[in-house]
Amino acid sequence: MIDLIKILISLTILAKAGMDDLRVREVSDKLWIIMALSSIPLNAVQYISDGFDLFYSIVQFAIVFSISSVMYFLLGFGGADFKALICLSIMFPKYPEIPFFPVIRGFNVFALSVLLNSLLIEFCTVIPIVLLKNIVAGRICMYSFIGYKVPVDRIPRFHNLLEYVDESGRIVMSIRGVEPNEEILNRLMKAKEMGIIRDVWVTPALPFLFFMLIGFLSAMTIGDIAYLIVYEIFKSL
């Protein structure tokens, strides 16, 4: 019963966050405060009524926090994405048990299953679409998997630059992507007027919380999809 209440609260918050991320790429911190605060009494009741391993809950939190921190500081993980994973780790100190859904728990860390599922779903949907777009356009290179070229004066909303002009006037390529600001856009327009550059590589700033919503639903009903794939591959060897 407690797990179902936790799931309903988390699903409501993730749905709201995912839709906001999809529409405006901004998510209110109030959502994560509500999620974290609501987890405290629920965890207390669950510990008293059902019991769970406190040591394991601390270990799983440390694992999720460490992985999220690395992704945030080194791999450009969003702040809201980081907070969402931390809140999930607090809300679910043990993998939720849901009637009629015999899930594959994998590493048995729910927040980690949500993250892995989200990354896998994002990888399997976005990359093929972007790559196909570049194949049709006849552009095949290392950037073809993560971005595409657009005219300098028609850079779409919610896109980062993989190619831009720095302060010295040099064209720079960046695998991580740079958020365009007015100064960078002005330099690009000047370079275009001088005939230096016409098109630039851009990459969509993906609404990862939307994928996390799907990852949450799949982790709740199927389990750890990435673990299942790896397990099936090794089993067939």
C-alpha atoms as a PDB file:
ATOM      1  CA  MET A   1       0.000   0.000   0.000  1.00  0.00           C
ATOM      2  CA  ILE A   2       2.779   2.457   0.909  1.00  0.00           C
ATOM      3  CA  ASP A   3       4.600   1.642  -2.338  1.00  0.00           C
ATOM      4  CA  LEU A   4       1.451   2.457  -4.328  1.00  0.00           C
ATOM      5  CA  ILE A   5       1.123   5.826  -2.584  1.00  0.00           C
ATOM      6  CA  LYS A   6       4.792   6.563  -3.288  1.00  0.00           C
ATOM      7  CA  ILE A   7       4.336   5.608  -6.933  1.00  0.00           C
ATOM      8  CA  LEU A   8       1.276   7.841  -7.345  1.00  0.00           C
ATOM      9  CA  ILE A   9       3.059  10.832  -5.773  1.00  0.00           C
ATOM     10  CA  SER A  10       6.236  10.276  -7.805  1.00  0.00           C
ATOM     11  CA  LEU A  11       4.315   9.668 -11.032  1.00  0.00           C
ATOM     12  CA  THR A  12       2.299  12.869 -10.577  1.00  0.00           C
ATOM     13  CA  ILE A  13       5.418  14.945  -9.925  1.00  0.00           C
ATOM     14  CA  LEU A  14       7.419  13.358 -12.756  1.00  0.00           C
ATOM     15  CA  ALA A  15       4.505  13.830 -15.166  1.00  0.00           C
ATOM     16  CA  LYS A  16       4.307  17.527 -14.292  1.00  0.00           C
ATOM     17  CA  ALA A  17       8.102  17.919 -14.486  1.00  0.00           C
ATOM     18  CA  GLY A  18       8.308  15.970 -17.749  1.00  0.00           C
ATOM     19  CA  MET A  19       5.636  18.098 -19.433  1.00  0.00           C
ATOM     20  CA  ASP A  20       7.244  21.342 -18.222  1.00  0.00           C
ATOM     21  CA  ASP A  21      10.640  20.146 -19.450  1.00  0.00           C
ATOM     22  CA  LEU A  22       9.120  19.272 -22.824  1.00  0.00           C
ATOM     23  CA  ARG A  23       7.390  22.631 -23.219  1.00  0.00           C
ATOM     24  CA  VAL A  24       9.763  25.226 -21.731  1.00  0.00           C
ATOM     25  CA  ARG A  25      12.856  23.281 -20.530  1.00  0.00           C
ATOM     26  CA  GLU A  26      12.339  24.676 -17.030  1.00  0.00           C
ATOM     27  CA  VAL A  27      11.129  22.828 -13.950  1.00  0.00           C
ATOM     28  CA  SER A  28      10.225  24.363 -10.589  1.00  0.00           C
ATOM     29  CA  ASP A  29      12.288  23.278  -7.571  1.00  0.00           C
ATOM     30  CA  LYS A  30       9.018  23.149  -5.608  1.00  0.00           C
ATOM     31  CA  LEU A  31       8.273  19.785  -7.205  1.00  0.00           C
ATOM     32  CA  TRP A  32      11.443  18.198  -5.793  1.00  0.00           C
ATOM     33  CA  ILE A  33      10.873  19.787  -2.367  1.00  0.00           C
ATOM     34  CA  ILE A  34       7.359  18.294  -2.270  1.00  0.00           C
ATOM     35  CA  MET A  35       8.673  14.901  -3.369  1.00  0.00           C
ATOM     36  CA  ALA A  36      11.499  14.851  -0.834  1.00  0.00           C
ATOM     37  CA  LEU A  37       9.355  16.044   2.073  1.00  0.00           C
ATOM     38  CA  SER A  38       6.514  13.614   1.311  1.00  0.00           C
ATOM     39  CA  SER A  39       8.977  10.714   1.271  1.00  0.00           C
ATOM     40  CA  ILE A  40       9.941  11.258   4.951  1.00  0.00           C
ATOM     41  CA  PRO A  41       6.652  10.233   6.629  1.00  0.00           C
ATOM     42  CA  LEU A  42       6.033   7.535   4.016  1.00  0.00           C
ATOM     43  CA  ASN A  43       9.455   5.973   4.627  1.00  0.00           C
ATOM     44  CA  ALA A  44       8.893   6.140   8.378  1.00  0.00           C
ATOM     45  CA  VAL A  45       5.555   4.336   8.097  1.00  0.00           C
ATOM     46  CA  GLN A  46       7.004   1.787   5.682  1.00  0.00           C
ATOM     47  CA  TYR A  47       9.965   1.087   7.938  1.00  0.00           C
ATOM     48  CA  ILE A  48       7.701   0.537  10.958  1.00  0.00           C
ATOM     49  CA  SER A  49       5.083  -1.547   9.120  1.00  0.00           C
ATOM     50  CA  ASP A  50       7.050  -3.507   6.520  1.00  0.00           C
ATOM     51  CA  GLY A  51      10.675  -2.887   7.423  1.00  0.00           C
ATOM     52  CA  PHE A  52      13.589  -2.414   5.025  1.00  0.00           C
ATOM     53  CA  ASP A  53      17.346  -2.581   5.272  1.00  0.00           C
ATOM     54  CA  LEU A  54      18.542   0.846   6.438  1.00  0.00           C
ATOM     55  CA  PHE A  55      22.153   0.117   5.547  1.00  0.00           C
ATOM     56  CA  TYR A  56      21.191  -0.926   2.024  1.00  0.00           C
ATOM     57  CA  SER A  57      19.001   2.166   1.615  1.00  0.00           C
ATOM     58  CA  ILE A  58      21.991   4.374   2.504  1.00  0.00           C
ATOM     59  CA  VAL A  59      24.254   2.460   0.113  1.00  0.00           C
ATOM     60  CA  GLN A  60      21.804   2.730  -2.785  1.00  0.00           C
ATOM     61  CA  PHE A  61      21.411   6.466  -2.108  1.00  0.00           C
ATOM     62  CA  ALA A  62      25.199   6.892  -2.142  1.00  0.00           C
ATOM     63  CA  ILE A  63      25.434   5.008  -5.446  1.00  0.00           C
ATOM     64  CA  VAL A  64      22.735   7.098  -7.108  1.00  0.00           C
ATOM     65  CA  PHE A  65      24.139  10.349  -5.687  1.00  0.00           C
ATOM     66  CA  SER A  66      27.661   9.507  -6.923  1.00  0.00           C
ATOM     67  CA  ILE A  67      26.522   8.563 -10.435  1.00  0.00           C
ATOM     68  CA  SER A  68      24.246  11.614 -10.676  1.00  0.00           C
ATOM     69  CA  SER A  69      27.042  13.918  -9.495  1.00  0.00           C
ATOM     70  CA  VAL A  70      29.473  12.593 -12.101  1.00  0.00           C
ATOM     71  CA  MET A  71      26.864  13.032 -14.824  1.00  0.00           C
ATOM     72  CA  TYR A  72      26.038  16.544 -13.599  1.00  0.00           C
ATOM     73  CA  PHE A  73      29.572  17.893 -13.206  1.00  0.00           C
ATOM     74  CA  LEU A  74      31.305  16.048 -16.048  1.00  0.00           C
ATOM     75  CA  LEU A  75      28.680  15.045 -18.615  1.00  0.00           C
ATOM     76  CA  GLY A  76      26.346  18.032 -18.667  1.00  0.00           C
ATOM     77  CA  PHE A  77      23.473  16.369 -16.814  1.00  0.00           C
ATOM     78  CA  GLY A  78      20.716  18.885 -16.036  1.00  0.00           C
ATOM     79  CA  GLY A  79      20.156  20.224 -12.528  1.00  0.00           C
ATOM     80  CA  ALA A  80      16.493  19.158 -12.526  1.00  0.00           C
ATOM     81  CA  ASP A  81      17.489  15.682 -13.760  1.00  0.00           C
ATOM     82  CA  PHE A  82      19.983  15.421 -10.903  1.00  0.00           C
ATOM     83  CA  LYS A  83      17.367  16.470  -8.331  1.00  0.00           C
ATOM     84  CA  ALA A  84      14.785  14.065  -9.748  1.00  0.00           C
ATOM     85  CA  LEU A  85      17.119  11.078  -9.360  1.00  0.00           C
ATOM     86  CA  ILE A  86      18.090  12.081  -5.832  1.00  0.00           C
ATOM     87  CA  CYS A  87      14.421  12.424  -4.864  1.00  0.00           C
ATOM     88  CA  LEU A  88      13.623   9.017  -6.378  1.00  0.00           C
ATOM     89  CA  SER A  89      16.469   7.499  -4.388  1.00  0.00           C
ATOM     90  CA  ILE A  90      15.053   9.027  -1.192  1.00  0.00           C
ATOM     91  CA  MET A  91      11.456   8.084  -1.991  1.00  0.00           C
ATOM     92  CA  PHE A  92      12.340   4.476  -2.790  1.00  0.00           C
ATOM     93  CA  PRO A  93      14.973   3.133  -0.348  1.00  0.00           C
ATOM     94  CA  LYS A  94      13.998  -0.302  -1.670  1.00  0.00           C
ATOM     95  CA  TYR A  95      12.620  -1.432  -5.002  1.00  0.00           C
ATOM     96  CA  PRO A  96       8.817  -0.960  -4.949  1.00  0.00           C
ATOM     97  CA  GLU A  97       6.661  -4.054  -4.964  1.00  0.00           C
ATOM     98  CA  ILE A  98       3.662  -3.726  -7.257  1.00  0.00           C
ATOM     99  CA  PRO A  99       0.891  -6.321  -7.549  1.00  0.00           C
ATOM    100  CA  PHE A 100       0.576  -8.013 -10.968  1.00  0.00           C
ATOM    101  CA  PHE A 101       3.950  -6.639 -12.125  1.00  0.00           C
ATOM    102  CA  PRO A 102       6.749  -9.177 -11.522  1.00  0.00           C
ATOM    103  CA  VAL A 103       9.506  -6.715 -12.425  1.00  0.00           C
ATOM    104  CA  ILE A 104      13.124  -7.574 -13.225  1.00  0.00           C
ATOM    105  CA  ARG A 105      15.015  -5.742 -10.495  1.00  0.00           C
ATOM    106  CA  GLY A 106      18.485  -6.041 -11.977  1.00  0.00           C
ATOM    107  CA  PHE A 107      20.832  -4.255  -9.575  1.00  0.00           C
ATOM    108  CA  ASN A 108      17.845  -3.781  -7.238  1.00  0.00           C
ATOM    109  CA  VAL A 109      18.210   0.018  -7.077  1.00  0.00           C
ATOM    110  CA  PHE A 110      15.010   1.611  -8.334  1.00  0.00           C
ATOM    111  CA  ALA A 111      16.393   5.086  -9.116  1.00  0.00           C
ATOM    112  CA  LEU A 112      19.265   3.476 -11.035  1.00  0.00           C
ATOM    113  CA  SER A 113      16.802   1.359 -13.037  1.00  0.00           C
ATOM    114  CA  VAL A 114      14.870   4.532 -13.885  1.00  0.00           C
ATOM    115  CA  LEU A 115      18.074   6.241 -15.046  1.00  0.00           C
ATOM    116  CA  LEU A 116      19.255   3.292 -17.157  1.00  0.00           C
ATOM    117  CA  ASN A 117      15.837   2.823 -18.729  1.00  0.00           C
ATOM    118  CA  SER A 118      15.592   6.547 -19.496  1.00  0.00           C
ATOM    119  CA  LEU A 119      19.006   6.618 -21.172  1.00  0.00           C
ATOM    120  CA  LEU A 120      18.210   3.480 -23.166  1.00  0.00           C
ATOM    121  CA  ILE A 121      14.847   4.823 -24.363  1.00  0.00           C
ATOM    122  CA  GLU A 122      16.413   8.170 -25.282  1.00  0.00           C
ATOM    123  CA  PHE A 123      19.258   6.423 -27.116  1.00  0.00           C
ATOM    124  CA  CYS A 124      16.947   4.110 -29.054  1.00  0.00           C
ATOM    125  CA  THR A 125      14.530   6.849 -30.149  1.00  0.00           C
ATOM    126  CA  VAL A 126      16.537  10.040 -30.693  1.00  0.00           C
ATOM    127  CA  ILE A 127      19.782   8.763 -32.240  1.00  0.00           C
ATOM    128  CA  PRO A 128      18.133   6.724 -35.061  1.00  0.00           C
ATOM    129  CA  ILE A 129      15.964   9.731 -36.009  1.00  0.00           C
ATOM    130  CA  VAL A 130      18.915  12.144 -36.027  1.00  0.00           C
ATOM    131  CA  LEU A 131      21.134   9.677 -37.916  1.00  0.00           C
ATOM    132  CA  LEU A 132      18.439   9.026 -40.543  1.00  0.00           C
ATOM    133  CA  LYS A 133      18.047  12.774 -41.056  1.00  0.00           C
ATOM    134  CA  ASN A 134      21.789  13.071 -41.740  1.00  0.00           C
ATOM    135  CA  ILE A 135      21.894  10.023 -44.015  1.00  0.00           C
ATOM    136  CA  VAL A 136      19.131  11.533 -46.153  1.00  0.00           C
ATOM    137  CA  ALA A 137      21.077  14.820 -46.255  1.00  0.00           C
ATOM    138  CA  GLY A 138      24.306  12.982 -47.124  1.00  0.00           C
ATOM    139  CA  ARG A 139      26.152  14.100 -44.005  1.00  0.00           C
ATOM    140  CA  ILE A 140      27.983  11.249 -42.313  1.00  0.00           C
ATOM    141  CA  CYS A 141      30.548  12.014 -39.601  1.00  0.00           C
ATOM    142  CA  MET A 142      30.953  11.672 -35.839  1.00  0.00           C
ATOM    143  CA  TYR A 143      28.409  14.460 -35.293  1.00  0.00           C
ATOM    144  CA  SER A 144      25.764  12.703 -37.400  1.00  0.00           C
ATOM    145  CA  PHE A 145      24.652  10.658 -34.378  1.00  0.00           C
ATOM    146  CA  ILE A 146      23.943  13.619 -32.096  1.00  0.00           C
ATOM    147  CA  GLY A 147      23.113  16.594 -34.305  1.00  0.00           C
ATOM    148  CA  TYR A 148      22.404  18.037 -37.715  1.00  0.00           C
ATOM    149  CA  LYS A 149      23.196  21.170 -39.727  1.00  0.00           C
ATOM    150  CA  VAL A 150      20.935  24.211 -39.898  1.00  0.00           C
ATOM    151  CA  PRO A 151      21.362  27.690 -41.434  1.00  0.00           C
ATOM    152  CA  VAL A 152      23.072  30.183 -39.125  1.00  0.00           C
ATOM    153  CA  ASP A 153      20.037  32.497 -39.195  1.00  0.00           C
ATOM    154  CA  ARG A 154      17.537  29.692 -38.484  1.00  0.00           C
ATOM    155  CA  ILE A 155      18.835  27.965 -35.348  1.00  0.00           C
ATOM    156  CA  PRO A 156      15.830  26.165 -33.799  1.00  0.00           C
ATOM    157  CA  ARG A 157      14.608  26.781 -30.268  1.00  0.00           C
ATOM    158  CA  PHE A 158      15.951  24.444 -27.557  1.00  0.00           C
ATOM    159  CA  HIS A 159      19.091  23.547 -29.531  1.00  0.00           C
ATOM    160  CA  ASN A 160      22.750  23.816 -28.534  1.00  0.00           C
ATOM    161  CA  LEU A 161      25.630  24.514 -30.871  1.00  0.00           C
ATOM    162  CA  LEU A 162      28.121  21.821 -31.800  1.00  0.00           C
ATOM    163  CA  GLU A 163      29.819  24.354 -34.065  1.00  0.00           C
ATOM    164  CA  TYR A 164      30.348  28.039 -33.286  1.00  0.00           C
ATOM    165  CA  VAL A 165      32.736  30.978 -33.750  1.00  0.00           C
ATOM    166  CA  ASP A 166      34.918  31.893 -30.769  1.00  0.00           C
ATOM    167  CA  GLU A 167      36.143  35.355 -29.752  1.00  0.00           C
ATOM    168  CA  SER A 168      39.179  35.126 -32.040  1.00  0.00           C
ATOM    169  CA  GLY A 169      36.977  34.384 -35.062  1.00  0.00           C
ATOM    170  CA  ARG A 170      37.969  30.716 -35.199  1.00  0.00           C
ATOM    171  CA  ILE A 171      35.343  28.051 -35.981  1.00  0.00           C
ATOM    172  CA  VAL A 172      35.197  25.618 -33.053  1.00  0.00           C
ATOM    173  CA  MET A 173      33.586  22.167 -32.880  1.00  0.00           C
ATOM    174  CA  SER A 174      32.297  20.917 -29.513  1.00  0.00           C
ATOM    175  CA  ILE A 175      30.963  17.421 -28.820  1.00  0.00           C
ATOM    176  CA  ARG A 176      29.158  18.576 -25.643  1.00  0.00           C
ATOM    177  CA  GLY A 177      27.271  21.437 -27.230  1.00  0.00           C
ATOM    178  CA  VAL A 178      27.236  25.121 -26.295  1.00  0.00           C
ATOM    179  CA  GLU A 179      24.083  27.005 -25.392  1.00  0.00           C
ATOM    180  CA  PRO A 180      23.779  29.913 -27.841  1.00  0.00           C
ATOM    181  CA  ASN A 181      23.678  33.384 -26.334  1.00  0.00           C
ATOM    182  CA  GLU A 182      23.392  36.768 -28.008  1.00  0.00           C
ATOM    183  CA  GLU A 183      27.168  37.230 -28.245  1.00  0.00           C
ATOM    184  CA  ILE A 184      27.738  33.830 -29.885  1.00  0.00           C
ATOM    185  CA  LEU A 185      24.830  34.355 -32.295  1.00  0.00           C
ATOM    186  CA  ASN A 186      26.173  37.799 -33.278  1.00  0.00           C
ATOM    187  CA  ARG A 187      29.587  36.298 -34.038  1.00  0.00           C
ATOM    188  CA  LEU A 188      27.938  33.619 -36.170  1.00  0.00           C
ATOM    189  CA  MET A 189      25.955  36.210 -38.129  1.00  0.00           C
ATOM    190  CA  LYS A 190      29.111  38.282 -38.740  1.00  0.00           C
ATOM    191  CA  ALA A 191      30.920  35.154 -39.942  1.00  0.00           C
ATOM    192  CA  LYS A 192      28.045  34.429 -42.300  1.00  0.00           C
ATOM    193  CA  GLU A 193      28.116  37.981 -43.696  1.00  0.00           C
ATOM    194  CA  MET A 194      31.844  37.522 -44.358  1.00  0.00           C
ATOM    195  CA  GLY A 195      31.138  34.249 -46.169  1.00  0.00           C
ATOM    196  CA  ILE A 196      33.042  32.182 -43.587  1.00  0.00           C
ATOM    197  CA  ILE A 197      30.160  29.977 -42.523  1.00  0.00           C
ATOM    198  CA  ARG A 198      26.601  29.352 -43.687  1.00  0.00           C
ATOM    199  CA  ASP A 199      25.400  26.317 -41.723  1.00  0.00           C
ATOM    200  CA  VAL A 200      26.249  25.072 -38.223  1.00  0.00           C
ATOM    201  CA  TRP A 201      25.946  21.743 -36.452  1.00  0.00           C
ATOM    202  CA  VAL A 202      23.361  21.839 -33.665  1.00  0.00           C
ATOM    203  CA  THR A 203      22.063  19.253 -31.209  1.00  0.00           C
ATOM    204  CA  PRO A 204      18.633  19.252 -29.584  1.00  0.00           C
ATOM    205  CA  ALA A 205      18.610  20.085 -25.871  1.00  0.00           C
ATOM    206  CA  LEU A 206      16.537  17.041 -25.006  1.00  0.00           C
ATOM    207  CA  PRO A 207      13.889  17.136 -22.262  1.00  0.00           C
ATOM    208  CA  PHE A 208      15.434  14.297 -20.256  1.00  0.00           C
ATOM    209  CA  LEU A 209      12.757  14.497 -17.557  1.00  0.00           C
ATOM    210  CA  PHE A 210      10.226  13.455 -20.190  1.00  0.00           C
ATOM    211  CA  PHE A 211      12.339  10.373 -20.905  1.00  0.00           C
ATOM    212  CA  MET A 212      12.708   9.871 -17.154  1.00  0.00           C
ATOM    213  CA  LEU A 213       8.926   9.748 -16.872  1.00  0.00           C
ATOM    214  CA  ILE A 214       8.892   6.917 -19.408  1.00  0.00           C
ATOM    215  CA  GLY A 215      11.861   5.319 -17.654  1.00  0.00           C
ATOM    216  CA  PHE A 216       9.940   5.470 -14.362  1.00  0.00           C
ATOM    217  CA  LEU A 217       6.886   3.776 -15.875  1.00  0.00           C
ATOM    218  CA  SER A 218       9.010   1.041 -17.466  1.00  0.00           C
ATOM    219  CA  ALA A 219      11.053   0.456 -14.281  1.00  0.00           C
ATOM    220  CA  MET A 220       7.819   0.188 -12.331  1.00  0.00           C
ATOM    221  CA  THR A 221       6.114  -2.281 -14.692  1.00  0.00           C
ATOM    222  CA  ILE A 222       8.945  -4.115 -16.495  1.00  0.00           C
ATOM    223  CA  GLY A 223      12.027  -3.498 -14.394  1.00  0.00           C
ATOM    224  CA  ASP A 224      15.628  -2.866 -15.369  1.00  0.00           C
ATOM    225  CA  ILE A 225      15.517  -3.141 -19.176  1.00  0.00           C
ATOM    226  CA  ALA A 226      19.257  -2.521 -19.630  1.00  0.00           C
ATOM    227  CA  TYR A 227      20.072  -5.294 -17.158  1.00  0.00           C
ATOM    228  CA  LEU A 228      17.679  -7.637 -18.964  1.00  0.00           C
ATOM    229  CA  ILE A 229      19.346  -6.953 -22.331  1.00  0.00           C
ATOM    230  CA  VAL A 230      22.849  -7.500 -20.936  1.00  0.00           C
ATOM    231  CA  TYR A 231      21.704 -10.669 -19.141  1.00  0.00           C
ATOM    232  CA  GLU A 232      20.128 -12.101 -22.312  1.00  0.00           C
ATOM    233  CA  ILE A 233      23.259 -11.313 -24.346  1.00  0.00           C
ATOM    234  CA  PHE A 234      25.559 -13.082 -21.879  1.00  0.00           C
ATOM    235  CA  LYS A 235      23.140 -15.985 -21.519  1.00  0.00           C
ATOM    236  CA  SER A 236      23.221 -16.558 -25.265  1.00  0.00           C
ATOM    237  CA  LEU A 237      27.039 -16.625 -25.429  1.00  0.00           C
END
